[in-house]
């Protein structure tokens, strides 16, 4: 049996078309995200509930040496021209 986690409390979560999901969360089983949506709509049979309040979850990030920086600062003018290192 694969353990299941319910990550809840994100102030905002997005779906695959960029819509904002208030009080969003995600349900993970065996390391695979099975559901994303309002926490009230997530499966309730998780082995563990993780409070993600104040955290950012970016699934599928590969090569984070600079892509993480680019994603998190995309809409922040001060971050767009900031030096990446240093």
N, C-alpha and C. Protein backbone atom coordinates (compact mmCIF):
# COMPACT_ATOMS: atom_id res chain seq x y z
N UNK A 1 0.84 -1.17 0.00
CA UNK A 1 0.00 0.00 0.00
C UNK A 1 0.89 1.24 0.00
N UNK A 2 0.57 2.19 -0.84
CA UNK A 2 1.32 3.43 -0.92
C UNK A 2 0.77 4.43 0.08
N UNK A 3 1.65 5.07 0.87
CA UNK A 3 1.16 6.08 1.80
C UNK A 3 0.59 7.28 1.05
N UNK A 4 -0.39 7.92 1.64
CA UNK A 4 -1.03 9.07 1.02
C UNK A 4 -0.86 10.29 1.91
N UNK A 5 -0.62 11.44 1.29
CA UNK A 5 -0.48 12.70 1.99
C UNK A 5 -1.50 13.69 1.47
N UNK A 6 -2.00 14.50 2.36
CA UNK A 6 -2.91 15.57 2.02
C UNK A 6 -2.23 16.87 2.42
N UNK A 7 -1.80 17.67 1.46
CA UNK A 7 -1.15 18.95 1.74
C UNK A 7 -2.21 20.03 1.68
N UNK A 8 -2.43 20.69 2.79
CA UNK A 8 -3.52 21.65 2.89
C UNK A 8 -3.04 23.00 3.38
N UNK A 9 -3.88 23.99 3.16
CA UNK A 9 -3.65 25.30 3.74
C UNK A 9 -2.96 26.28 2.82
N UNK A 10 -2.73 25.89 1.58
CA UNK A 10 -2.13 26.84 0.64
C UNK A 10 -3.12 27.98 0.42
N UNK A 11 -2.65 29.20 0.50
CA UNK A 11 -3.54 30.34 0.30
C UNK A 11 -4.09 30.33 -1.12
N UNK A 12 -3.26 29.88 -2.04
CA UNK A 12 -3.69 29.82 -3.43
C UNK A 12 -3.06 28.60 -4.08
N UNK A 13 -3.79 28.00 -4.94
CA UNK A 13 -3.26 26.92 -5.77
C UNK A 13 -3.78 27.16 -7.17
N UNK A 14 -3.08 26.68 -8.16
CA UNK A 14 -3.53 26.88 -9.53
C UNK A 14 -3.81 25.57 -10.22
N UNK A 15 -4.73 25.61 -11.16
CA UNK A 15 -4.99 24.41 -11.95
C UNK A 15 -4.19 24.51 -13.25
N UNK A 16 -4.41 23.58 -14.16
CA UNK A 16 -3.60 23.54 -15.37
C UNK A 16 -3.94 24.63 -16.38
N UNK A 17 -4.93 25.46 -16.12
CA UNK A 17 -5.24 26.57 -17.01
C UNK A 17 -4.98 27.91 -16.33
N UNK A 18 -4.35 27.88 -15.17
CA UNK A 18 -3.97 29.11 -14.50
C UNK A 18 -5.03 29.73 -13.61
N UNK A 19 -6.14 29.04 -13.41
CA UNK A 19 -7.17 29.58 -12.52
C UNK A 19 -6.73 29.43 -11.07
N UNK A 20 -7.11 30.40 -10.26
CA UNK A 20 -6.75 30.37 -8.85
C UNK A 20 -7.75 29.53 -8.07
N UNK A 21 -7.24 28.69 -7.18
CA UNK A 21 -8.09 27.87 -6.31
C UNK A 21 -7.85 28.35 -4.89
N UNK A 22 -8.84 29.01 -4.31
CA UNK A 22 -8.72 29.50 -2.93
C UNK A 22 -8.70 28.31 -1.97
N UNK A 23 -7.94 28.43 -0.90
CA UNK A 23 -7.79 27.36 0.10
C UNK A 23 -7.44 26.05 -0.60
N UNK A 24 -6.50 26.13 -1.53
CA UNK A 24 -6.14 24.98 -2.33
C UNK A 24 -5.21 24.02 -1.61
N UNK A 25 -5.16 22.84 -2.14
CA UNK A 25 -4.28 21.81 -1.60
C UNK A 25 -4.07 20.73 -2.64
N UNK A 26 -3.33 19.72 -2.27
CA UNK A 26 -3.13 18.60 -3.18
C UNK A 26 -3.09 17.30 -2.41
N UNK A 27 -3.43 16.23 -3.12
CA UNK A 27 -3.46 14.89 -2.55
C UNK A 27 -2.43 14.06 -3.29
N UNK A 28 -1.50 13.47 -2.54
CA UNK A 28 -0.40 12.70 -3.11
C UNK A 28 -0.46 11.28 -2.57
N UNK A 29 -0.36 10.29 -3.49
CA UNK A 29 -0.30 8.89 -3.07
C UNK A 29 0.87 8.24 -3.79
N UNK A 30 1.77 7.64 -3.01
CA UNK A 30 2.92 6.96 -3.60
C UNK A 30 3.81 7.87 -4.42
N UNK A 31 3.90 9.14 -4.02
CA UNK A 31 4.74 10.09 -4.73
C UNK A 31 4.13 10.66 -5.99
N UNK A 32 2.86 10.38 -6.26
CA UNK A 32 2.17 10.87 -7.45
C UNK A 32 1.01 11.76 -7.02
N UNK A 33 0.93 12.97 -7.59
CA UNK A 33 -0.18 13.86 -7.29
C UNK A 33 -1.43 13.30 -7.95
N UNK A 34 -2.44 12.99 -7.15
CA UNK A 34 -3.70 12.44 -7.67
C UNK A 34 -4.79 13.50 -7.79
N UNK A 35 -4.73 14.53 -6.95
CA UNK A 35 -5.79 15.54 -6.98
C UNK A 35 -5.26 16.89 -6.54
N UNK A 36 -5.77 17.94 -7.18
CA UNK A 36 -5.48 19.32 -6.80
C UNK A 36 -6.82 20.03 -6.78
N UNK A 37 -7.06 20.82 -5.73
CA UNK A 37 -8.32 21.55 -5.66
C UNK A 37 -8.53 22.13 -4.29
N UNK A 38 -9.74 22.63 -4.04
CA UNK A 38 -10.06 23.13 -2.71
C UNK A 38 -9.86 22.01 -1.68
N UNK A 39 -9.34 22.34 -0.52
CA UNK A 39 -9.06 21.29 0.46
C UNK A 39 -10.30 20.51 0.84
N UNK A 40 -11.46 21.15 0.79
CA UNK A 40 -12.70 20.45 1.14
C UNK A 40 -13.06 19.38 0.11
N UNK A 41 -12.51 19.47 -1.11
CA UNK A 41 -12.81 18.50 -2.16
C UNK A 41 -11.77 17.38 -2.26
N UNK A 42 -10.69 17.48 -1.51
CA UNK A 42 -9.64 16.46 -1.59
C UNK A 42 -10.06 15.19 -0.87
N UNK A 43 -9.53 14.03 -1.29
CA UNK A 43 -9.83 12.79 -0.57
C UNK A 43 -9.47 12.93 0.91
N UNK A 44 -10.26 12.32 1.75
CA UNK A 44 -10.07 12.45 3.19
C UNK A 44 -9.36 11.25 3.81
N UNK A 45 -8.88 10.31 2.99
CA UNK A 45 -8.28 9.09 3.52
C UNK A 45 -6.75 9.15 3.58
N UNK A 46 -6.19 10.34 3.74
CA UNK A 46 -4.74 10.48 3.79
C UNK A 46 -4.18 9.89 5.08
N UNK A 47 -2.98 9.33 4.98
CA UNK A 47 -2.27 8.82 6.15
C UNK A 47 -1.68 9.97 6.97
N UNK A 48 -1.46 11.09 6.29
CA UNK A 48 -0.82 12.23 6.94
C UNK A 48 -1.35 13.50 6.29
N UNK A 49 -1.59 14.52 7.09
CA UNK A 49 -2.00 15.84 6.60
C UNK A 49 -0.86 16.81 6.88
N UNK A 50 -0.41 17.49 5.85
CA UNK A 50 0.72 18.41 5.96
C UNK A 50 0.20 19.84 5.83
N UNK A 51 0.50 20.67 6.82
CA UNK A 51 0.09 22.07 6.77
C UNK A 51 1.09 22.83 5.90
N UNK A 52 0.64 23.29 4.75
CA UNK A 52 1.51 23.99 3.80
C UNK A 52 1.31 25.50 3.85
N UNK A 53 0.69 26.00 4.89
CA UNK A 53 0.47 27.43 5.02
C UNK A 53 1.81 28.17 4.92
N UNK A 54 1.87 29.15 4.04
CA UNK A 54 3.08 29.94 3.87
C UNK A 54 4.16 29.30 3.02
N UNK A 55 3.84 28.18 2.37
CA UNK A 55 4.81 27.48 1.54
C UNK A 55 4.38 27.50 0.08
N UNK A 56 5.30 27.21 -0.80
CA UNK A 56 5.03 27.13 -2.23
C UNK A 56 5.35 25.71 -2.68
N UNK A 57 4.44 25.11 -3.43
CA UNK A 57 4.67 23.78 -3.99
C UNK A 57 4.68 23.92 -5.51
N UNK A 58 5.78 23.52 -6.13
CA UNK A 58 5.88 23.58 -7.58
C UNK A 58 6.26 22.19 -8.06
N UNK A 59 5.26 21.37 -8.38
CA UNK A 59 5.56 20.00 -8.81
C UNK A 59 6.24 19.98 -10.18
N UNK A 60 7.08 19.00 -10.35
CA UNK A 60 7.70 18.77 -11.65
C UNK A 60 8.85 19.70 -11.97
N UNK A 61 9.34 20.44 -10.99
CA UNK A 61 10.46 21.34 -11.28
C UNK A 61 11.73 20.52 -11.51
N UNK A 62 12.32 20.73 -12.65
CA UNK A 62 13.56 20.07 -13.00
C UNK A 62 14.57 21.17 -13.32
N UNK A 63 15.82 20.93 -13.02
CA UNK A 63 16.86 21.90 -13.35
C UNK A 63 16.59 23.22 -12.63
N UNK A 64 16.45 23.14 -11.32
CA UNK A 64 16.05 24.31 -10.55
C UNK A 64 17.17 25.32 -10.33
N UNK A 65 18.32 25.12 -10.92
CA UNK A 65 19.41 26.07 -10.70
C UNK A 65 19.01 27.49 -11.05
N UNK A 66 18.14 27.69 -11.99
CA UNK A 66 17.62 29.03 -12.24
C UNK A 66 16.14 29.05 -12.58
N UNK A 67 15.56 27.94 -12.96
CA UNK A 67 14.15 27.94 -13.35
C UNK A 67 13.24 28.25 -12.17
N UNK A 68 13.61 27.81 -10.98
CA UNK A 68 12.82 28.13 -9.80
C UNK A 68 12.77 29.63 -9.61
N UNK A 69 13.91 30.28 -9.73
CA UNK A 69 14.00 31.73 -9.60
C UNK A 69 13.13 32.40 -10.66
N UNK A 70 13.18 31.92 -11.90
CA UNK A 70 12.40 32.52 -12.97
C UNK A 70 10.91 32.39 -12.73
N UNK A 71 10.46 31.25 -12.24
CA UNK A 71 9.03 31.05 -12.00
C UNK A 71 8.52 31.90 -10.85
N UNK A 72 9.27 31.98 -9.77
CA UNK A 72 8.80 32.70 -8.60
C UNK A 72 8.86 34.21 -8.76
N UNK A 73 9.70 34.72 -9.66
CA UNK A 73 9.84 36.17 -9.80
C UNK A 73 9.28 36.68 -11.12
N UNK A 74 8.59 35.86 -11.84
CA UNK A 74 8.08 36.24 -13.16
C UNK A 74 7.25 37.53 -13.11
N UNK A 75 6.43 37.68 -12.09
CA UNK A 75 5.55 38.84 -12.00
C UNK A 75 6.07 39.91 -11.04
N UNK A 76 7.32 39.81 -10.64
CA UNK A 76 7.90 40.78 -9.71
C UNK A 76 8.92 41.61 -10.48
N UNK A 77 8.59 42.87 -10.83
CA UNK A 77 9.51 43.68 -11.64
C UNK A 77 10.92 43.75 -11.08
N UNK A 78 11.07 43.88 -9.77
CA UNK A 78 12.40 43.98 -9.18
C UNK A 78 13.21 42.71 -9.33
N UNK A 79 12.55 41.59 -9.51
CA UNK A 79 13.26 40.32 -9.64
C UNK A 79 13.61 39.97 -11.07
N UNK A 80 12.98 40.64 -12.03
CA UNK A 80 13.20 40.29 -13.43
C UNK A 80 14.60 40.61 -13.91
N UNK A 81 15.17 41.70 -13.42
CA UNK A 81 16.51 42.09 -13.87
C UNK A 81 17.57 41.90 -12.80
N UNK A 82 17.21 41.26 -11.72
CA UNK A 82 18.17 41.05 -10.63
C UNK A 82 19.21 40.02 -11.04
N UNK A 83 20.44 40.18 -10.58
CA UNK A 83 21.45 39.16 -10.89
C UNK A 83 21.05 37.83 -10.26
N UNK A 84 21.26 36.77 -10.99
CA UNK A 84 20.85 35.45 -10.52
C UNK A 84 21.70 34.99 -9.35
N UNK A 85 22.97 35.20 -9.42
CA UNK A 85 23.87 34.80 -8.34
C UNK A 85 24.71 36.02 -7.95
N UNK A 86 24.92 36.20 -6.66
CA UNK A 86 25.80 37.28 -6.24
C UNK A 86 25.09 38.36 -5.63
